[in-house]
N, C-alpha and C. Protein backbone atom coordinates (compact mmCIF):
# COMPACT_ATOMS: atom_id res chain seq x y z
N LEU A 1 16.01 4.66 10.61
CA LEU A 1 15.64 3.28 10.37
C LEU A 1 16.42 2.73 9.18
N ASP A 2 16.78 1.49 9.28
CA ASP A 2 17.47 0.83 8.19
C ASP A 2 16.45 0.09 7.33
N VAL A 3 15.57 0.85 6.68
CA VAL A 3 14.50 0.28 5.87
C VAL A 3 14.57 0.87 4.48
N GLU A 4 14.46 0.01 3.48
CA GLU A 4 14.35 0.45 2.10
C GLU A 4 13.28 -0.41 1.43
N ARG A 5 12.12 0.20 1.21
CA ARG A 5 11.01 -0.53 0.59
C ARG A 5 10.24 0.40 -0.33
N THR A 6 9.65 -0.20 -1.35
CA THR A 6 8.79 0.53 -2.27
C THR A 6 7.47 -0.21 -2.37
N ILE A 7 6.40 0.53 -2.17
CA ILE A 7 5.05 -0.03 -2.22
C ILE A 7 4.26 0.75 -3.27
N GLY A 8 3.58 0.03 -4.16
CA GLY A 8 2.73 0.66 -5.16
C GLY A 8 1.27 0.54 -4.77
N PHE A 9 0.53 1.61 -4.96
CA PHE A 9 -0.91 1.64 -4.69
C PHE A 9 -1.61 2.00 -5.99
N SER A 10 -2.61 1.20 -6.38
CA SER A 10 -3.41 1.48 -7.57
C SER A 10 -4.88 1.56 -7.17
N PHE A 11 -5.52 2.62 -7.63
CA PHE A 11 -6.94 2.84 -7.38
C PHE A 11 -7.64 2.96 -8.73
N PRO A 12 -8.00 1.81 -9.33
CA PRO A 12 -8.54 1.81 -10.69
C PRO A 12 -9.79 2.66 -10.86
N ASP A 13 -10.64 2.71 -9.84
CA ASP A 13 -11.87 3.49 -9.94
C ASP A 13 -11.58 4.99 -10.05
N ALA A 14 -10.48 5.43 -9.50
CA ALA A 14 -10.10 6.84 -9.54
C ALA A 14 -9.06 7.11 -10.62
N GLY A 15 -8.58 6.04 -11.28
CA GLY A 15 -7.55 6.19 -12.29
C GLY A 15 -6.24 6.73 -11.72
N ALA A 16 -5.95 6.35 -10.47
CA ALA A 16 -4.78 6.89 -9.78
C ALA A 16 -3.82 5.79 -9.37
N HIS A 17 -2.54 6.12 -9.44
CA HIS A 17 -1.47 5.22 -9.02
C HIS A 17 -0.49 6.04 -8.19
N TRP A 18 -0.05 5.45 -7.09
CA TRP A 18 0.88 6.13 -6.19
C TRP A 18 2.01 5.21 -5.80
N THR A 19 3.15 5.80 -5.50
CA THR A 19 4.31 5.06 -5.04
C THR A 19 4.71 5.59 -3.67
N LEU A 20 4.86 4.68 -2.73
CA LEU A 20 5.39 5.01 -1.40
C LEU A 20 6.78 4.39 -1.32
N GLU A 21 7.76 5.24 -1.12
CA GLU A 21 9.14 4.75 -1.00
C GLU A 21 9.68 5.18 0.36
N VAL A 22 10.20 4.21 1.10
CA VAL A 22 10.81 4.47 2.40
C VAL A 22 12.29 4.12 2.29
N ARG A 23 13.13 5.10 2.61
CA ARG A 23 14.58 4.90 2.55
C ARG A 23 15.20 5.53 3.79
N ARG A 24 15.85 4.72 4.60
CA ARG A 24 16.59 5.19 5.77
C ARG A 24 15.76 6.14 6.65
N GLY A 25 14.52 5.78 6.90
CA GLY A 25 13.68 6.56 7.80
C GLY A 25 12.97 7.73 7.16
N VAL A 26 13.10 7.91 5.86
CA VAL A 26 12.43 9.00 5.16
C VAL A 26 11.41 8.39 4.20
N ALA A 27 10.17 8.89 4.29
CA ALA A 27 9.11 8.40 3.42
C ALA A 27 8.81 9.44 2.34
N GLU A 28 8.67 8.94 1.12
CA GLU A 28 8.30 9.81 0.01
C GLU A 28 7.11 9.19 -0.71
N MET A 29 6.06 9.98 -0.86
CA MET A 29 4.87 9.55 -1.58
C MET A 29 4.81 10.38 -2.86
N ARG A 30 4.69 9.69 -4.00
CA ARG A 30 4.64 10.43 -5.26
C ARG A 30 3.65 9.74 -6.21
N PRO A 31 3.08 10.51 -7.12
CA PRO A 31 2.15 9.91 -8.07
C PRO A 31 2.89 9.01 -9.06
N GLY A 32 2.18 8.02 -9.55
CA GLY A 32 2.72 7.12 -10.57
C GLY A 32 2.98 5.73 -10.03
N ARG A 33 3.12 4.81 -10.97
CA ARG A 33 3.43 3.41 -10.64
C ARG A 33 4.93 3.23 -10.49
N PRO A 34 5.34 2.48 -9.49
CA PRO A 34 6.77 2.19 -9.38
C PRO A 34 7.18 1.15 -10.41
N GLU A 35 8.39 1.30 -10.94
CA GLU A 35 8.90 0.28 -11.87
C GLU A 35 9.12 -1.04 -11.15
N ARG A 36 9.74 -0.94 -9.97
CA ARG A 36 9.95 -2.13 -9.14
C ARG A 36 9.37 -1.83 -7.77
N ALA A 37 8.75 -2.82 -7.18
CA ALA A 37 8.15 -2.63 -5.85
C ALA A 37 8.24 -3.92 -5.06
N ASN A 38 8.32 -3.77 -3.74
CA ASN A 38 8.26 -4.94 -2.86
C ASN A 38 6.85 -5.51 -2.85
N ALA A 39 5.86 -4.61 -3.00
CA ALA A 39 4.46 -5.02 -3.03
C ALA A 39 3.66 -4.00 -3.81
N ARG A 40 2.58 -4.46 -4.45
CA ARG A 40 1.65 -3.58 -5.16
C ARG A 40 0.25 -3.94 -4.69
N LEU A 41 -0.46 -2.93 -4.22
CA LEU A 41 -1.82 -3.13 -3.71
C LEU A 41 -2.80 -2.43 -4.64
N THR A 42 -3.84 -3.16 -5.05
CA THR A 42 -4.87 -2.60 -5.93
C THR A 42 -6.22 -2.73 -5.25
N LEU A 43 -6.91 -1.61 -5.12
CA LEU A 43 -8.24 -1.59 -4.52
C LEU A 43 -8.91 -0.27 -4.84
N ALA A 44 -10.22 -0.21 -4.60
CA ALA A 44 -10.97 1.02 -4.83
C ALA A 44 -10.54 2.08 -3.83
N ALA A 45 -10.56 3.33 -4.26
CA ALA A 45 -10.13 4.44 -3.40
C ALA A 45 -10.95 4.49 -2.11
N ASP A 46 -12.25 4.28 -2.20
CA ASP A 46 -13.09 4.29 -0.99
C ASP A 46 -12.73 3.16 -0.04
N ARG A 47 -12.35 2.03 -0.58
CA ARG A 47 -11.94 0.90 0.28
C ARG A 47 -10.64 1.24 1.02
N TRP A 48 -9.71 1.91 0.35
CA TRP A 48 -8.47 2.31 1.01
C TRP A 48 -8.77 3.29 2.14
N LYS A 49 -9.70 4.19 1.92
CA LYS A 49 -10.09 5.14 2.97
C LYS A 49 -10.64 4.40 4.18
N GLU A 50 -11.39 3.33 3.94
CA GLU A 50 -11.92 2.52 5.03
C GLU A 50 -10.79 1.83 5.80
N VAL A 51 -9.79 1.34 5.08
CA VAL A 51 -8.64 0.71 5.74
C VAL A 51 -7.89 1.75 6.56
N ALA A 52 -7.62 2.91 5.97
CA ALA A 52 -6.88 3.96 6.66
C ALA A 52 -7.62 4.47 7.89
N ALA A 53 -8.94 4.47 7.84
CA ALA A 53 -9.74 4.93 8.98
C ALA A 53 -9.95 3.84 10.03
N GLY A 54 -9.54 2.62 9.72
CA GLY A 54 -9.71 1.52 10.66
C GLY A 54 -11.09 0.91 10.65
N VAL A 55 -11.87 1.24 9.63
CA VAL A 55 -13.24 0.71 9.52
C VAL A 55 -13.24 -0.73 9.01
N ARG A 56 -12.32 -1.02 8.07
CA ARG A 56 -12.20 -2.37 7.51
C ARG A 56 -10.76 -2.82 7.58
N GLY A 57 -10.59 -4.09 7.70
CA GLY A 57 -9.24 -4.64 7.77
C GLY A 57 -8.75 -5.09 6.41
N LEU A 58 -7.50 -4.83 6.14
CA LEU A 58 -6.91 -5.21 4.87
C LEU A 58 -6.89 -6.73 4.67
N PRO A 59 -6.60 -7.54 5.70
CA PRO A 59 -6.62 -9.00 5.48
C PRO A 59 -7.97 -9.51 4.98
N VAL A 60 -9.06 -8.97 5.52
CA VAL A 60 -10.39 -9.39 5.08
C VAL A 60 -10.62 -8.98 3.64
N MET A 61 -10.19 -7.78 3.30
CA MET A 61 -10.38 -7.31 1.93
C MET A 61 -9.58 -8.16 0.94
N LEU A 62 -8.39 -8.56 1.33
CA LEU A 62 -7.59 -9.44 0.47
C LEU A 62 -8.26 -10.80 0.33
N ALA A 63 -8.81 -11.32 1.42
CA ALA A 63 -9.45 -12.63 1.40
C ALA A 63 -10.74 -12.63 0.57
N THR A 64 -11.47 -11.51 0.57
CA THR A 64 -12.73 -11.44 -0.17
C THR A 64 -12.55 -10.97 -1.61
N GLY A 65 -11.34 -10.56 -1.97
CA GLY A 65 -11.09 -10.09 -3.32
C GLY A 65 -11.36 -8.60 -3.52
N ASP A 66 -11.71 -7.88 -2.45
CA ASP A 66 -11.92 -6.44 -2.55
C ASP A 66 -10.60 -5.71 -2.77
N ALA A 67 -9.50 -6.37 -2.46
CA ALA A 67 -8.16 -5.83 -2.70
C ALA A 67 -7.31 -6.94 -3.29
N LYS A 68 -6.36 -6.55 -4.12
CA LYS A 68 -5.45 -7.52 -4.72
C LYS A 68 -4.02 -7.11 -4.40
N LEU A 69 -3.20 -8.11 -4.13
CA LEU A 69 -1.81 -7.86 -3.77
C LEU A 69 -0.89 -8.63 -4.70
N GLU A 70 0.11 -7.94 -5.21
CA GLU A 70 1.21 -8.57 -5.94
C GLU A 70 2.46 -8.33 -5.10
N GLY A 71 3.25 -9.34 -4.91
CA GLY A 71 4.47 -9.18 -4.14
C GLY A 71 4.31 -9.65 -2.71
N SER A 72 5.09 -9.05 -1.84
CA SER A 72 5.24 -9.53 -0.47
C SER A 72 4.24 -8.92 0.50
N LEU A 73 3.39 -9.77 1.05
CA LEU A 73 2.47 -9.33 2.11
C LEU A 73 3.26 -8.88 3.34
N VAL A 74 4.33 -9.58 3.65
CA VAL A 74 5.16 -9.22 4.81
C VAL A 74 5.73 -7.81 4.63
N ASP A 75 6.24 -7.48 3.45
CA ASP A 75 6.79 -6.15 3.21
C ASP A 75 5.70 -5.08 3.26
N LEU A 76 4.53 -5.39 2.72
CA LEU A 76 3.41 -4.43 2.77
C LEU A 76 3.04 -4.12 4.21
N VAL A 77 2.81 -5.15 5.01
CA VAL A 77 2.40 -4.95 6.40
C VAL A 77 3.50 -4.25 7.21
N ALA A 78 4.74 -4.66 7.03
CA ALA A 78 5.85 -4.04 7.75
C ALA A 78 5.99 -2.56 7.40
N THR A 79 5.76 -2.23 6.14
CA THR A 79 5.86 -0.83 5.73
C THR A 79 4.70 -0.01 6.30
N LEU A 80 3.49 -0.54 6.22
CA LEU A 80 2.34 0.19 6.76
C LEU A 80 2.46 0.38 8.27
N ARG A 81 3.04 -0.59 8.94
CA ARG A 81 3.22 -0.47 10.40
C ARG A 81 4.17 0.65 10.78
N LEU A 82 5.03 1.06 9.88
CA LEU A 82 5.91 2.19 10.16
C LEU A 82 5.11 3.47 10.42
N PHE A 83 3.86 3.50 9.94
CA PHE A 83 3.03 4.69 10.07
C PHE A 83 1.91 4.53 11.08
N ALA A 84 1.90 3.43 11.81
CA ALA A 84 0.87 3.17 12.81
C ALA A 84 1.19 3.94 14.09
N GLU A 85 0.21 4.03 14.91
CA GLU A 85 0.35 4.73 16.19
C GLU A 85 1.65 4.42 16.76
């Protein structure tokens, strides 16, 4: 894939920060905040588990304030879709 994106995930309740970097079809997940990112998503760890399990939708969480996004929603969604069924 001709994709190069960096997504930051912050889970303040768990004190955890993760970086997802996709480069040319290879995904790397590593601890820590990215210096530069296409998007940064902040939400509680349990809320992310609900999104990953398909129990709750990310758009609703963003609309209700349960999740916060800095950067590009389009890049976030496009990157997450790379890992969908």
